[in-house]
Amino acid sequence: MYTPAAFRVDDPAWIFRHVERNDFGMLVTAEPLMVSHLPFQLVRPVGDEPARLLCHLARANPHWRAFAGGGAPALAVFRGAHAYVSPTWYGQHPSVPTWNYDVVQAEGIATLTEDPAEIAGQMRAMAAAYEPTPGFDMDAQPPKYMEGMFKALVGVTLTVRHWTGKRKQSQNRPEADRHAVAAALEARGEHAAAAALREANGID
């Protein structure tokens, strides 16, 4: 991912927070060239252990075959707030249109997990994160039904060896232009994009 110095983020705290807030990402492989859109669970690094990203694929999805055997290189991509930026919002000219966005890319080796207990753990974690209380109770479902579901899934673990964080949020523009863009985004109802710009630039 092209990441000029002005937009690069190396802070692990921001990177992990971004992934956890935007955890519906893309799993990408080169051989074969495929993309799967999936919810991910971030397991933060502990000691010398690297961070891991957990997800699962339908067994009917041929993408899982890319990771059979010893695993394969893969990317996970997590996009956050983004918005079109009009040059008419700037005070400094000449200028051209652009796009602001936050994104994190994780590169590593993806391997398969076919243990039903591990896949069940992933599903429990996802339900705990998103279900209301009371909500879906996986343990209350018929065991035969859940057994069939687990057989229809394949878990994937991406062991991350490199993170790239990017915040392209008008940092290369004069301060007055940054304020103007934030105000224009708010006026257009793009509150998440305006908040991301303000946070990236330390604007109150």
Protein backbone atom coordinates (compact mmCIF):
# COMPACT_ATOMS: atom_id res chain seq x y z
CA MET A 1 0.00 0.00 0.00
CA TYR A 2 1.38 3.39 -1.02
CA THR A 3 1.85 5.31 2.23
CA PRO A 4 3.57 8.73 2.13
CA ALA A 5 5.23 9.72 5.40
CA ALA A 6 2.64 12.43 6.10
CA PHE A 7 -0.11 9.81 6.22
CA ARG A 8 1.68 6.85 7.80
CA VAL A 9 0.64 5.62 11.27
CA ASP A 10 3.02 3.35 13.18
CA ASP A 11 1.29 3.53 16.58
CA PRO A 12 0.15 -0.02 17.45
CA ALA A 13 -2.53 1.33 19.80
CA TRP A 14 -4.20 3.23 16.96
CA ILE A 15 -3.80 0.32 14.54
CA PHE A 16 -5.38 -2.21 16.91
CA ARG A 17 -8.18 0.18 17.86
CA HIS A 18 -8.92 0.80 14.18
CA VAL A 19 -9.13 -2.94 13.46
CA GLU A 20 -11.42 -3.56 16.42
CA ARG A 21 -13.71 -0.69 15.39
CA ASN A 22 -13.76 -1.72 11.71
CA ASP A 23 -13.52 -5.48 12.02
CA PHE A 24 -15.50 -6.38 8.89
CA GLY A 25 -12.55 -6.59 6.54
CA MET A 26 -11.20 -8.20 3.41
CA LEU A 27 -9.04 -11.34 3.28
CA VAL A 28 -6.89 -11.17 0.14
CA THR A 29 -4.63 -13.72 -1.56
CA ALA A 30 -2.52 -13.53 -4.72
CA GLU A 31 -2.52 -17.25 -5.57
CA PRO A 32 -5.31 -17.63 -6.37
CA LEU A 33 -6.27 -13.97 -6.75
CA MET A 34 -9.28 -13.89 -4.43
CA VAL A 35 -10.98 -11.65 -1.88
CA SER A 36 -13.38 -12.72 0.87
CA HIS A 37 -15.32 -10.17 2.93
CA LEU A 38 -15.41 -11.36 6.54
CA PRO A 39 -15.72 -10.36 10.19
CA PHE A 40 -12.36 -10.71 11.97
CA GLN A 41 -11.41 -11.12 15.61
CA LEU A 42 -8.13 -9.47 16.60
CA VAL A 43 -6.01 -11.33 19.15
CA ARG A 44 -3.55 -8.73 20.38
CA PRO A 45 0.11 -9.70 20.79
CA VAL A 46 1.26 -11.07 24.13
CA GLY A 47 4.98 -11.07 24.97
CA ASP A 48 6.91 -12.28 21.94
CA GLU A 49 3.80 -13.72 20.31
CA PRO A 50 2.63 -11.75 17.25
CA ALA A 51 -0.90 -10.49 16.77
CA ARG A 52 -3.35 -12.84 15.08
CA LEU A 53 -6.51 -12.27 13.10
CA LEU A 54 -9.17 -14.97 13.29
CA CYS A 55 -11.99 -15.47 10.81
CA HIS A 56 -13.91 -18.31 9.21
CA LEU A 57 -15.01 -19.20 5.70
CA ALA A 58 -17.84 -21.33 4.41
CA ARG A 59 -16.40 -24.65 3.32
CA ALA A 60 -18.26 -24.09 0.04
CA ASN A 61 -16.04 -21.02 -0.52
CA PRO A 62 -12.97 -22.29 -2.44
CA HIS A 63 -10.81 -19.53 -0.95
CA TRP A 64 -9.94 -21.73 2.03
CA ARG A 65 -8.01 -24.10 -0.25
CA ALA A 66 -5.34 -21.41 -0.65
CA PHE A 67 -4.31 -22.07 2.97
CA ALA A 68 -4.27 -25.88 2.92
CA GLY A 69 -1.05 -27.57 3.96
CA GLY A 70 1.50 -25.14 5.37
CA GLY A 71 -0.57 -22.00 4.85
CA ALA A 72 -0.06 -19.12 2.43
CA PRO A 73 0.74 -15.38 2.39
CA ALA A 74 -2.35 -13.21 2.80
CA LEU A 75 -3.47 -9.67 3.51
CA ALA A 76 -6.32 -8.44 5.68
CA VAL A 77 -7.57 -4.93 4.94
CA PHE A 78 -9.70 -2.81 7.27
CA ARG A 79 -11.15 0.44 5.94
CA GLY A 80 -12.60 3.07 8.22
CA ALA A 81 -14.15 6.48 7.69
CA HIS A 82 -13.75 7.92 4.19
CA ALA A 83 -15.15 10.80 2.15
CA TYR A 84 -14.80 12.78 -1.07
CA VAL A 85 -13.12 16.16 -0.55
CA SER A 86 -14.02 19.01 -2.92
CA PRO A 87 -11.33 21.58 -3.80
CA THR A 88 -14.04 24.24 -3.49
CA TRP A 89 -13.74 23.84 0.30
CA TYR A 90 -10.12 25.01 0.27
CA GLY A 91 -8.87 28.51 0.71
CA GLN A 92 -5.58 27.77 -1.06
CA HIS A 93 -5.65 27.26 -4.86
CA PRO A 94 -5.12 25.81 -7.39
CA SER A 95 -6.34 22.50 -5.94
CA VAL A 96 -7.94 19.27 -7.16
CA PRO A 97 -10.49 16.83 -5.71
CA THR A 98 -9.26 14.05 -3.45
CA TRP A 99 -10.49 11.41 -1.03
CA ASN A 100 -9.82 11.20 2.70
CA TYR A 101 -9.72 7.81 4.43
CA ASP A 102 -8.38 5.64 7.24
CA VAL A 103 -7.13 2.13 6.46
CA VAL A 104 -5.06 -0.61 8.08
CA GLN A 105 -3.42 -3.48 6.24
CA ALA A 106 -2.13 -6.64 7.94
CA GLU A 107 0.29 -8.93 6.10
CA GLY A 108 1.20 -12.42 7.24
CA ILE A 109 0.76 -16.17 6.83
CA ALA A 110 -2.74 -17.61 6.95
CA THR A 111 -3.33 -21.17 8.11
CA LEU A 112 -6.43 -23.33 8.45
CA THR A 113 -8.25 -24.22 11.65
CA GLU A 114 -10.68 -27.13 11.37
CA ASP A 115 -11.16 -27.83 15.07
CA PRO A 116 -14.89 -27.35 15.79
CA ALA A 117 -14.10 -26.13 19.32
CA GLU A 118 -11.92 -23.31 17.98
CA ILE A 119 -14.52 -22.32 15.39
CA ALA A 120 -17.17 -22.36 18.13
CA GLY A 121 -14.96 -20.04 20.18
CA GLN A 122 -14.81 -17.58 17.28
CA MET A 123 -18.59 -17.63 16.89
CA ARG A 124 -19.12 -17.10 20.63
CA ALA A 125 -16.74 -14.13 20.60
CA MET A 126 -18.56 -12.57 17.64
CA ALA A 127 -21.97 -13.08 19.25
CA ALA A 128 -20.69 -11.61 22.54
CA ALA A 129 -19.44 -8.52 20.71
CA TYR A 130 -22.55 -7.81 18.66
CA GLU A 131 -25.61 -9.48 20.21
CA PRO A 132 -27.91 -7.55 22.52
CA THR A 133 -28.46 -8.94 26.01
CA PRO A 134 -30.26 -11.29 26.06
CA GLY A 135 -29.47 -12.38 22.53
CA PHE A 136 -28.39 -15.39 20.54
CA ASP A 137 -27.29 -18.27 22.78
CA MET A 138 -25.23 -20.72 20.75
CA ASP A 139 -25.31 -23.32 23.52
CA ALA A 140 -29.12 -23.31 23.46
CA GLN A 141 -29.23 -24.46 19.82
CA PRO A 142 -29.80 -28.15 18.97
CA PRO A 143 -26.42 -29.93 19.14
CA LYS A 144 -26.97 -31.73 15.83
CA TYR A 145 -27.72 -28.43 14.12
CA MET A 146 -24.56 -26.78 15.46
CA GLU A 147 -22.47 -29.83 14.61
CA GLY A 148 -23.59 -29.51 11.00
CA MET A 149 -22.84 -25.81 11.02
CA PHE A 150 -19.29 -26.35 12.26
CA LYS A 151 -18.66 -28.96 9.56
CA ALA A 152 -19.70 -26.37 6.98
CA LEU A 153 -17.08 -23.85 8.20
CA VAL A 154 -13.31 -23.60 8.03
CA GLY A 155 -11.40 -21.34 10.41
CA VAL A 156 -8.50 -19.17 9.24
CA THR A 157 -5.75 -17.73 11.42
CA LEU A 158 -3.65 -14.92 9.95
CA THR A 159 -0.44 -14.54 11.95
CA VAL A 160 0.53 -10.94 11.31
CA ARG A 161 4.16 -10.16 10.54
CA HIS A 162 3.68 -6.59 9.33
CA TRP A 163 1.10 -3.83 9.88
CA THR A 164 0.61 -0.73 7.73
CA GLY A 165 -1.56 2.07 9.05
CA LYS A 166 -2.61 5.01 6.91
CA ARG A 167 -4.61 8.13 7.77
CA LYS A 168 -5.06 10.33 4.71
CA GLN A 169 -6.95 13.12 6.47
CA SER A 170 -5.84 16.39 4.83
CA GLN A 171 -2.61 16.55 6.88
CA ASN A 172 -0.84 17.96 3.80
CA ARG A 173 -3.19 20.95 3.61
CA PRO A 174 -2.88 24.28 5.47
CA GLU A 175 -4.59 24.34 8.86
CA ALA A 176 -7.37 26.62 7.62
CA ASP A 177 -8.20 24.14 4.87
CA ARG A 178 -8.39 21.25 7.37
CA HIS A 179 -10.92 23.18 9.46
CA ALA A 180 -12.88 24.05 6.34
CA VAL A 181 -12.99 20.43 5.16
CA ALA A 182 -14.17 19.23 8.57
CA ALA A 183 -16.93 21.83 8.59
CA ALA A 184 -18.00 20.95 5.04
CA LEU A 185 -18.15 17.25 5.85
CA GLU A 186 -20.27 17.96 8.93
CA ALA A 187 -22.62 20.12 6.85
CA ARG A 188 -22.97 17.28 4.36
CA GLY A 189 -23.85 14.84 7.16
CA GLU A 190 -20.59 12.86 6.93
CA HIS A 191 -19.98 13.00 10.66
CA ALA A 192 -17.68 9.96 10.91
CA ALA A 193 -15.39 11.33 8.20
CA ALA A 194 -15.32 14.76 9.86
CA ALA A 195 -14.51 13.19 13.23
CA ALA A 196 -11.68 11.15 11.71
CA LEU A 197 -10.17 14.29 10.13
CA ARG A 198 -10.36 16.17 13.43
CA GLU A 199 -8.81 13.31 15.37
CA ALA A 200 -5.97 12.84 12.88
CA ASN A 201 -5.14 16.56 12.97
CA GLY A 202 -5.76 17.27 16.65
CA ILE A 203 -8.66 19.61 15.85
CA ASP A 204 -11.19 20.19 18.65
